[in-house]
Amino acid sequence: MWYGAHVSIAGGIDQGIRRGEDLGCTAIQTFGGSPRTINFTPIAPTVVAHYQQLKTKSRIKVHILHGVYLINLASEKAEYLQACVANLICYQKLAYDLGALGTVFHVGSHKGLGFEAVADQVGAALTQVIKASPPDVDLILENTAGQNGAIGAAYSELASLRDRVERQGAAGHRLAIGLDTQHAFGAGYDLRKMAEVERLVNDIDQTWGLEALKVIHVNDSQVGCGTKKDRHANLGQGEIGLASLGQTINHPKLQSKPLILEVPGDDHSGPRREDVANLKQLLSNKDENME
């Protein structure tokens, strides 16, 4: 089973492997550069080579890039939109060089205009990214809580974008999806109830097929179900709770998916070794969680 955390790449992307090892990870997620700018800075080939050397010797075999939060493919500003497209293309090329699964990212916000008003533009932008990206890396659309017009609170919205990509002549199978447990909870899936976990799984299966689900972000929630807010909490310290998170990630149709923590830790510095240990324990207790 592949499990781990989002880790810092301060000092170089190769340092992500070291930090993941220190936390006890078998999978990691990182940014591909500074998350504070939409402009991508290429990574030196020597750093990529060192990364590959470290990864070969490491127990970490799964790496997923996370797109910067500044991306908004629904932006009304044409120049900014193209900067977002260019950033994603650079990320996909980096993912290919690293042997990563791909890039998971938030599509963006319609800012009150409504999904249908921006869907064609977003579909066209995704098409641009796919056509300019290397093969064998997934462009992974993450579900959202729906805050401030964020696209993707419903998997049907993300599926509609895939359909638009296919109509524009790009390979829709190059798109994939991610599941964030806190975002799903914020969007209205009450994961404390097994029937709601089943509803979530069925929604993913019916709109995408479960083979399209490439990563699960395992996060507790600081806020209540259906609040449409994106507020992560450490496992067992939020509204979802350990048992409910356990029954979600151990659902028979979700097993084998890479699991990544995006929790605040002690002082918002990110996941700690004990958080990764808690995640591993949830996997070990799968029979109890499914009772």
Foldseek 3Di string as FASTA:
>chain_A
DFEFAEDEQVVHVLVQQVVRVQLVGQEYEYAPDDLPDLDDDDDDPVRLVSSLVSQVPGSHDEYEYEHRQPAELQDPDPVVNVSNLVSQQSQLQVCVSNVHQAYEYFHHFNQPPDLVVRLLSSLVSVLSSQVSGDPRHAYEYEAALCPRRGPHLAVLSVLSSLVSSVVVPGDSLSYAYEYEPQSPQSNAQQLLDVVSLVVVVVRCCVSPRLVRYAEYAQFAAQDGGNNSDDHTAQAQPHDNHLLSSLQNCLPVSNPPHYYYYAHCPDHNNGDHSVSSVSVVVSVVCNVVSND
